[in-house]
Amino acid sequence: MKNLFARTLLSLIVLAGAMGLLLFVPAGTIHYWQAWVYLAIFIGISLLVSIYLLRNDPALLERRMKGGPTAEKRATQKIAMLFASLGFVSLLVVPAINYRFVGSSLPLAIEFAGDVLVVVGFYFIFLVYRENTFASATIGVSENQKVVSTGPYALVRHPMYASAMLYVVGTPLALGSYWGLLGVAVMAPAIIWRLLDEEKFLAQNLVGYAEYQKQVRSRLLPGVW
């Protein structure tokens, strides 16, 4: 347990450092208060969720730490995750460059709304973790895994991705840049491609998933798609 906490804490420190470099180096200054607020929210909530999982579902925390393009076994997922990762990097770098040359171009209310979207997105992701102990960061089927159709899974088939899109959209707004929304145009197709391939895999390998698809029709937006 202590080892898992140490690895989790180290990964968050590394993540915070990497995100800080992606924000403050392109911005050319550390006096980018929107970035400090965003980092505090992102890393702070990530730490709180990690502590919750450490206490209540360490196996899920362990699985969530094994993510990214290199962790995927399917070629399609490797490519989708690569584009999603590049898209997330652009969500940070583009607003930072925008700040460097023109400063914040958004009203304070919009920046605050962006921070709220980030918080709400993380909250819904927390609900997904609480409902589904098999919410791995990579595509696969674990031993004894069952279809989850309760909680957020009763509304959409991919509540994790739906929740993530909230903080994806909120990130450039919180950082004071409409230009940063270009990163969403990179991430959204990658996420959709990933979930479609994931559905195909689960329908073939997870007992009961095909029936679940018939029960819950919406993938990301209830009643829309």
C-alpha atoms as a PDB file:
ATOM      1  CA  MET A   1       0.000   0.000   0.000  1.00  0.00           C
ATOM      2  CA  LYS A   2       2.808   2.416   0.936  1.00  0.00           C
ATOM      3  CA  ASN A   3       4.623   1.554  -2.287  1.00  0.00           C
ATOM      4  CA  LEU A   4       1.505   2.276  -4.343  1.00  0.00           C
ATOM      5  CA  PHE A   5       1.025   5.622  -2.602  1.00  0.00           C
ATOM      6  CA  ALA A   6       4.674   6.535  -3.199  1.00  0.00           C
ATOM      7  CA  ARG A   7       4.406   5.672  -6.896  1.00  0.00           C
ATOM      8  CA  THR A   8       1.149   7.600  -7.192  1.00  0.00           C
ATOM      9  CA  LEU A   9       2.614  10.649  -5.494  1.00  0.00           C
ATOM     10  CA  LEU A  10       5.716  10.493  -7.677  1.00  0.00           C
ATOM     11  CA  SER A  11       3.619  10.216 -10.843  1.00  0.00           C
ATOM     12  CA  LEU A  12       1.597  13.280  -9.808  1.00  0.00           C
ATOM     13  CA  ILE A  13       4.778  15.255  -9.103  1.00  0.00           C
ATOM     14  CA  VAL A  14       6.144  14.302 -12.523  1.00  0.00           C
ATOM     15  CA  LEU A  15       2.809  15.175 -14.134  1.00  0.00           C
ATOM     16  CA  ALA A  16       2.707  18.549 -12.405  1.00  0.00           C
ATOM     17  CA  GLY A  17       6.260  19.267 -13.517  1.00  0.00           C
ATOM     18  CA  ALA A  18       5.565  18.284 -17.119  1.00  0.00           C
ATOM     19  CA  MET A  19       2.364  20.334 -17.265  1.00  0.00           C
ATOM     20  CA  GLY A  20       4.171  23.275 -15.679  1.00  0.00           C
ATOM     21  CA  LEU A  21       6.858  23.170 -18.364  1.00  0.00           C
ATOM     22  CA  LEU A  22       4.235  22.954 -21.115  1.00  0.00           C
ATOM     23  CA  LEU A  23       2.505  26.005 -19.685  1.00  0.00           C
ATOM     24  CA  PHE A  24       5.190  28.350 -18.412  1.00  0.00           C
ATOM     25  CA  VAL A  25       7.965  27.804 -20.959  1.00  0.00           C
ATOM     26  CA  PRO A  26       5.789  28.681 -23.995  1.00  0.00           C
ATOM     27  CA  ALA A  27       4.219  31.530 -21.984  1.00  0.00           C
ATOM     28  CA  GLY A  28       7.699  32.917 -21.322  1.00  0.00           C
ATOM     29  CA  THR A  29       6.797  33.779 -17.738  1.00  0.00           C
ATOM     30  CA  ILE A  30       5.735  32.263 -14.446  1.00  0.00           C
ATOM     31  CA  HIS A  31       3.370  35.209 -13.927  1.00  0.00           C
ATOM     32  CA  TYR A  32       0.547  33.375 -15.680  1.00  0.00           C
ATOM     33  CA  TRP A  33      -1.988  33.198 -12.907  1.00  0.00           C
ATOM     34  CA  GLN A  34      -4.599  31.342 -14.967  1.00  0.00           C
ATOM     35  CA  ALA A  35      -2.097  28.509 -15.388  1.00  0.00           C
ATOM     36  CA  TRP A  36      -1.376  28.388 -11.639  1.00  0.00           C
ATOM     37  CA  VAL A  37      -5.080  28.173 -10.832  1.00  0.00           C
ATOM     38  CA  TYR A  38      -5.608  25.483 -13.464  1.00  0.00           C
ATOM     39  CA  LEU A  39      -2.630  23.439 -12.230  1.00  0.00           C
ATOM     40  CA  ALA A  40      -3.809  23.688  -8.629  1.00  0.00           C
ATOM     41  CA  ILE A  41      -7.260  22.413  -9.606  1.00  0.00           C
ATOM     42  CA  PHE A  42      -6.004  19.641 -11.907  1.00  0.00           C
ATOM     43  CA  ILE A  43      -3.302  18.251  -9.626  1.00  0.00           C
ATOM     44  CA  GLY A  44      -5.269  18.902  -6.434  1.00  0.00           C
ATOM     45  CA  ILE A  45      -8.309  16.945  -7.584  1.00  0.00           C
ATOM     46  CA  SER A  46      -6.116  14.207  -9.057  1.00  0.00           C
ATOM     47  CA  LEU A  47      -4.462  13.828  -5.648  1.00  0.00           C
ATOM     48  CA  LEU A  48      -7.787  13.686  -3.801  1.00  0.00           C
ATOM     49  CA  VAL A  49      -9.182  11.068  -6.195  1.00  0.00           C
ATOM     50  CA  SER A  50      -5.978   9.051  -5.905  1.00  0.00           C
ATOM     51  CA  ILE A  51      -6.203   9.082  -2.093  1.00  0.00           C
ATOM     52  CA  TYR A  52      -9.818   7.925  -2.309  1.00  0.00           C
ATOM     53  CA  LEU A  53      -8.881   5.049  -4.616  1.00  0.00           C
ATOM     54  CA  LEU A  54      -5.896   4.133  -2.475  1.00  0.00           C
ATOM     55  CA  ARG A  55      -8.227   3.695   0.493  1.00  0.00           C
ATOM     56  CA  ASN A  56     -11.218   2.162  -1.271  1.00  0.00           C
ATOM     57  CA  ASP A  57     -10.058   0.544  -4.522  1.00  0.00           C
ATOM     58  CA  PRO A  58      -6.257   0.215  -4.762  1.00  0.00           C
ATOM     59  CA  ALA A  59      -6.581  -2.310  -7.594  1.00  0.00           C
ATOM     60  CA  LEU A  60      -8.297   0.316  -9.743  1.00  0.00           C
ATOM     61  CA  LEU A  61      -5.640   2.884  -8.859  1.00  0.00           C
ATOM     62  CA  GLU A  62      -2.984   0.397  -9.934  1.00  0.00           C
ATOM     63  CA  ARG A  63      -4.743  -0.148 -13.259  1.00  0.00           C
ATOM     64  CA  ARG A  64      -5.213   3.583 -13.838  1.00  0.00           C
ATOM     65  CA  MET A  65      -1.485   4.176 -13.483  1.00  0.00           C
ATOM     66  CA  LYS A  66      -0.783   1.994 -16.508  1.00  0.00           C
ATOM     67  CA  GLY A  67      -1.956   4.181 -19.365  1.00  0.00           C
ATOM     68  CA  GLY A  68      -0.821   6.010 -22.465  1.00  0.00           C
ATOM     69  CA  PRO A  69      -0.050   4.958 -26.057  1.00  0.00           C
ATOM     70  CA  THR A  70       2.756   2.548 -25.114  1.00  0.00           C
ATOM     71  CA  ALA A  71       0.566   0.689 -22.616  1.00  0.00           C
ATOM     72  CA  GLU A  72      -2.064  -0.209 -25.204  1.00  0.00           C
ATOM     73  CA  LYS A  73      -1.907  -3.628 -26.855  1.00  0.00           C
ATOM     74  CA  ARG A  74      -4.084  -2.891 -29.891  1.00  0.00           C
ATOM     75  CA  ALA A  75      -2.518  -0.890 -32.734  1.00  0.00           C
ATOM     76  CA  THR A  76      -5.679   1.149 -33.217  1.00  0.00           C
ATOM     77  CA  GLN A  77      -5.659   2.162 -29.570  1.00  0.00           C
ATOM     78  CA  LYS A  78      -1.963   3.088 -29.676  1.00  0.00           C
ATOM     79  CA  ILE A  79      -2.636   5.491 -32.557  1.00  0.00           C
ATOM     80  CA  ALA A  80      -5.808   6.912 -30.998  1.00  0.00           C
ATOM     81  CA  MET A  81      -4.058   7.502 -27.673  1.00  0.00           C
ATOM     82  CA  LEU A  82      -1.096   9.116 -29.416  1.00  0.00           C
ATOM     83  CA  PHE A  83      -3.358  11.688 -31.086  1.00  0.00           C
ATOM     84  CA  ALA A  84      -5.307  12.181 -27.854  1.00  0.00           C
ATOM     85  CA  SER A  85      -2.040  12.815 -25.984  1.00  0.00           C
ATOM     86  CA  LEU A  86      -0.845  15.281 -28.620  1.00  0.00           C
ATOM     87  CA  GLY A  87      -4.224  16.984 -28.455  1.00  0.00           C
ATOM     88  CA  PHE A  88      -3.949  17.379 -24.690  1.00  0.00           C
ATOM     89  CA  VAL A  89      -0.467  18.848 -25.017  1.00  0.00           C
ATOM     90  CA  SER A  90      -1.852  21.400 -27.483  1.00  0.00           C
ATOM     91  CA  LEU A  91      -4.579  22.317 -24.964  1.00  0.00           C
ATOM     92  CA  LEU A  92      -1.786  23.602 -22.723  1.00  0.00           C
ATOM     93  CA  VAL A  93       0.796  24.893 -25.191  1.00  0.00           C
ATOM     94  CA  VAL A  94      -1.492  26.891 -27.497  1.00  0.00           C
ATOM     95  CA  PRO A  95      -3.077  28.962 -24.685  1.00  0.00           C
ATOM     96  CA  ALA A  96       0.395  29.521 -23.218  1.00  0.00           C
ATOM     97  CA  ILE A  97       1.705  30.866 -26.544  1.00  0.00           C
ATOM     98  CA  ASN A  98      -1.451  32.951 -26.842  1.00  0.00           C
ATOM     99  CA  TYR A  99      -0.729  34.394 -23.380  1.00  0.00           C
ATOM    100  CA  ARG A 100       2.876  35.137 -24.282  1.00  0.00           C
ATOM    101  CA  PHE A 101       1.988  37.338 -27.235  1.00  0.00           C
ATOM    102  CA  VAL A 102      -1.404  38.855 -26.419  1.00  0.00           C
ATOM    103  CA  GLY A 103      -2.120  37.947 -22.797  1.00  0.00           C
ATOM    104  CA  SER A 104      -5.461  36.528 -21.745  1.00  0.00           C
ATOM    105  CA  SER A 105      -8.044  37.141 -24.445  1.00  0.00           C
ATOM    106  CA  LEU A 106     -11.095  35.998 -22.472  1.00  0.00           C
ATOM    107  CA  PRO A 107     -13.333  37.662 -19.887  1.00  0.00           C
ATOM    108  CA  LEU A 108     -12.723  36.568 -16.305  1.00  0.00           C
ATOM    109  CA  ALA A 109     -16.188  34.972 -16.202  1.00  0.00           C
ATOM    110  CA  ILE A 110     -15.312  32.671 -19.121  1.00  0.00           C
ATOM    111  CA  GLU A 111     -12.040  31.666 -17.464  1.00  0.00           C
ATOM    112  CA  PHE A 112     -13.927  30.878 -14.272  1.00  0.00           C
ATOM    113  CA  ALA A 113     -16.463  28.851 -16.258  1.00  0.00           C
ATOM    114  CA  GLY A 114     -13.545  26.887 -17.728  1.00  0.00           C
ATOM    115  CA  ASP A 115     -12.287  26.069 -14.243  1.00  0.00           C
ATOM    116  CA  VAL A 116     -15.790  24.957 -13.272  1.00  0.00           C
ATOM    117  CA  LEU A 117     -15.930  22.634 -16.310  1.00  0.00           C
ATOM    118  CA  VAL A 118     -12.633  21.088 -15.226  1.00  0.00           C
ATOM    119  CA  VAL A 119     -13.960  20.478 -11.706  1.00  0.00           C
ATOM    120  CA  VAL A 120     -17.272  19.063 -12.960  1.00  0.00           C
ATOM    121  CA  GLY A 121     -15.481  16.817 -15.458  1.00  0.00           C
ATOM    122  CA  PHE A 122     -13.266  15.394 -12.712  1.00  0.00           C
ATOM    123  CA  TYR A 123     -16.263  14.903 -10.431  1.00  0.00           C
ATOM    124  CA  PHE A 124     -18.080  12.806 -13.014  1.00  0.00           C
ATOM    125  CA  ILE A 125     -14.914  10.798 -13.609  1.00  0.00           C
ATOM    126  CA  PHE A 126     -14.820  10.151  -9.863  1.00  0.00           C
ATOM    127  CA  LEU A 127     -18.397   8.843 -10.096  1.00  0.00           C
ATOM    128  CA  VAL A 128     -17.257   6.488 -12.854  1.00  0.00           C
ATOM    129  CA  TYR A 129     -14.420   5.182 -10.684  1.00  0.00           C
ATOM    130  CA  ARG A 130     -16.802   4.663  -7.783  1.00  0.00           C
ATOM    131  CA  GLU A 131     -19.230   2.718  -9.981  1.00  0.00           C
ATOM    132  CA  ASN A 132     -16.812   0.653 -12.044  1.00  0.00           C
ATOM    133  CA  THR A 133     -13.745  -0.947 -10.487  1.00  0.00           C
ATOM    134  CA  PHE A 134     -12.704  -2.182 -13.951  1.00  0.00           C
ATOM    135  CA  ALA A 135     -12.324   1.336 -15.407  1.00  0.00           C
ATOM    136  CA  SER A 136      -8.826   0.673 -16.690  1.00  0.00           C
ATOM    137  CA  ALA A 137      -6.708   3.222 -18.547  1.00  0.00           C
ATOM    138  CA  THR A 138      -6.098   0.663 -21.299  1.00  0.00           C
ATOM    139  CA  ILE A 139      -8.485  -1.398 -23.402  1.00  0.00           C
ATOM    140  CA  GLY A 140      -8.842  -4.972 -22.190  1.00  0.00           C
ATOM    141  CA  VAL A 141     -10.964  -7.407 -20.215  1.00  0.00           C
ATOM    142  CA  SER A 142      -9.867  -8.362 -16.718  1.00  0.00           C
ATOM    143  CA  GLU A 143     -10.536 -11.629 -14.952  1.00  0.00           C
ATOM    144  CA  ASN A 144     -14.047 -11.693 -13.442  1.00  0.00           C
ATOM    145  CA  GLN A 145     -14.932  -8.412 -15.170  1.00  0.00           C
ATOM    146  CA  LYS A 146     -18.643  -7.778 -15.539  1.00  0.00           C
ATOM    147  CA  VAL A 147     -20.696  -5.283 -17.497  1.00  0.00           C
ATOM    148  CA  VAL A 148     -21.581  -2.221 -15.417  1.00  0.00           C
ATOM    149  CA  SER A 149     -24.954  -0.707 -16.314  1.00  0.00           C
ATOM    150  CA  THR A 150     -25.718   1.354 -13.210  1.00  0.00           C
ATOM    151  CA  GLY A 151     -24.914   4.917 -12.171  1.00  0.00           C
ATOM    152  CA  PRO A 152     -23.496   6.990 -15.042  1.00  0.00           C
ATOM    153  CA  TYR A 153     -23.398   3.844 -17.189  1.00  0.00           C
ATOM    154  CA  ALA A 154     -27.202   3.857 -17.214  1.00  0.00           C
ATOM    155  CA  LEU A 155     -27.098   7.157 -19.121  1.00  0.00           C
ATOM    156  CA  VAL A 156     -24.271   6.650 -21.618  1.00  0.00           C
ATOM    157  CA  ARG A 157     -22.020   3.754 -22.522  1.00  0.00           C
ATOM    158  CA  HIS A 158     -18.833   5.781 -22.122  1.00  0.00           C
ATOM    159  CA  PRO A 159     -19.262   8.142 -19.155  1.00  0.00           C
ATOM    160  CA  MET A 160     -15.487   8.313 -18.686  1.00  0.00           C
ATOM    161  CA  TYR A 161     -14.960   9.855 -22.120  1.00  0.00           C
ATOM    162  CA  ALA A 162     -18.018  12.073 -21.767  1.00  0.00           C
ATOM    163  CA  SER A 163     -16.672  13.398 -18.457  1.00  0.00           C
ATOM    164  CA  ALA A 164     -13.185  13.865 -19.876  1.00  0.00           C
ATOM    165  CA  MET A 165     -14.572  15.996 -22.698  1.00  0.00           C
ATOM    166  CA  LEU A 166     -15.878  18.447 -20.098  1.00  0.00           C
ATOM    167  CA  TYR A 167     -12.428  19.206 -18.734  1.00  0.00           C
ATOM    168  CA  VAL A 168     -10.927  19.034 -22.224  1.00  0.00           C
ATOM    169  CA  VAL A 169     -13.220  21.879 -23.309  1.00  0.00           C
ATOM    170  CA  GLY A 170     -12.746  23.657 -19.992  1.00  0.00           C
ATOM    171  CA  THR A 171      -8.931  23.602 -20.106  1.00  0.00           C
ATOM    172  CA  PRO A 172      -8.252  26.239 -22.808  1.00  0.00           C
ATOM    173  CA  LEU A 173     -11.047  28.430 -21.444  1.00  0.00           C
ATOM    174  CA  ALA A 174      -9.560  28.255 -17.944  1.00  0.00           C
ATOM    175  CA  LEU A 175      -6.208  29.204 -19.470  1.00  0.00           C
ATOM    176  CA  GLY A 176      -7.714  32.267 -21.153  1.00  0.00           C
ATOM    177  CA  SER A 177      -7.629  31.263 -24.813  1.00  0.00           C
ATOM    178  CA  TYR A 178     -10.220  30.461 -27.467  1.00  0.00           C
ATOM    179  CA  TRP A 179      -7.368  29.364 -29.750  1.00  0.00           C
ATOM    180  CA  GLY A 180      -6.701  26.505 -27.369  1.00  0.00           C
ATOM    181  CA  LEU A 181     -10.004  24.973 -28.403  1.00  0.00           C
ATOM    182  CA  LEU A 182      -8.215  23.837 -31.568  1.00  0.00           C
ATOM    183  CA  GLY A 183      -6.822  21.051 -29.402  1.00  0.00           C
ATOM    184  CA  VAL A 184     -10.369  19.797 -28.886  1.00  0.00           C
ATOM    185  CA  ALA A 185     -10.590  19.309 -32.654  1.00  0.00           C
ATOM    186  CA  VAL A 186      -7.627  16.940 -32.350  1.00  0.00           C
ATOM    187  CA  MET A 187      -8.774  15.103 -29.229  1.00  0.00           C
ATOM    188  CA  ALA A 188     -12.468  14.616 -30.044  1.00  0.00           C
ATOM    189  CA  PRO A 189     -11.943  12.475 -33.201  1.00  0.00           C
ATOM    190  CA  ALA A 190      -9.264  10.450 -31.374  1.00  0.00           C
ATOM    191  CA  ILE A 191     -11.590   9.787 -28.437  1.00  0.00           C
ATOM    192  CA  ILE A 192     -14.479   8.828 -30.737  1.00  0.00           C
ATOM    193  CA  TRP A 193     -12.203   6.505 -32.712  1.00  0.00           C
ATOM    194  CA  ARG A 194     -10.982   4.971 -29.456  1.00  0.00           C
ATOM    195  CA  LEU A 195     -14.445   4.356 -28.047  1.00  0.00           C
ATOM    196  CA  LEU A 196     -15.756   2.830 -31.275  1.00  0.00           C
ATOM    197  CA  ASP A 197     -12.846   0.395 -31.361  1.00  0.00           C
ATOM    198  CA  GLU A 198     -13.326  -0.276 -27.646  1.00  0.00           C
ATOM    199  CA  GLU A 199     -16.988  -1.118 -28.191  1.00  0.00           C
ATOM    200  CA  LYS A 200     -16.075  -3.549 -30.937  1.00  0.00           C
ATOM    201  CA  PHE A 201     -13.534  -5.229 -28.652  1.00  0.00           C
ATOM    202  CA  LEU A 202     -15.878  -5.422 -25.652  1.00  0.00           C
ATOM    203  CA  ALA A 203     -18.784  -6.766 -27.711  1.00  0.00           C
ATOM    204  CA  GLN A 204     -16.532  -9.624 -28.799  1.00  0.00           C
ATOM    205  CA  ASN A 205     -14.776 -10.300 -25.494  1.00  0.00           C
ATOM    206  CA  LEU A 206     -16.955  -9.198 -22.566  1.00  0.00           C
ATOM    207  CA  VAL A 207     -19.989 -11.343 -21.819  1.00  0.00           C
ATOM    208  CA  GLY A 208     -23.188  -9.287 -21.768  1.00  0.00           C
ATOM    209  CA  TYR A 209     -21.763  -6.170 -23.433  1.00  0.00           C
ATOM    210  CA  ALA A 210     -23.712  -6.628 -26.673  1.00  0.00           C
ATOM    211  CA  GLU A 211     -26.928  -6.762 -24.650  1.00  0.00           C
ATOM    212  CA  TYR A 212     -25.848  -3.662 -22.740  1.00  0.00           C
ATOM    213  CA  GLN A 213     -25.396  -1.812 -26.051  1.00  0.00           C
ATOM    214  CA  LYS A 214     -29.031  -2.537 -26.870  1.00  0.00           C
ATOM    215  CA  GLN A 215     -30.131  -1.411 -23.404  1.00  0.00           C
ATOM    216  CA  VAL A 216     -28.181   1.881 -23.387  1.00  0.00           C
ATOM    217  CA  ARG A 217     -28.205   3.438 -26.857  1.00  0.00           C
ATOM    218  CA  SER A 218     -26.243   6.634 -26.220  1.00  0.00           C
ATOM    219  CA  ARG A 219     -22.450   6.608 -26.297  1.00  0.00           C
ATOM    220  CA  LEU A 220     -21.511  10.101 -25.087  1.00  0.00           C
ATOM    221  CA  LEU A 221     -24.548  12.380 -25.050  1.00  0.00           C
ATOM    222  CA  PRO A 222     -27.819  11.020 -23.609  1.00  0.00           C
ATOM    223  CA  GLY A 223     -30.486  10.928 -26.306  1.00  0.00           C
ATOM    224  CA  VAL A 224     -28.125  12.360 -28.946  1.00  0.00           C
ATOM    225  CA  TRP A 225     -25.284   9.922 -29.713  1.00  0.00           C
END
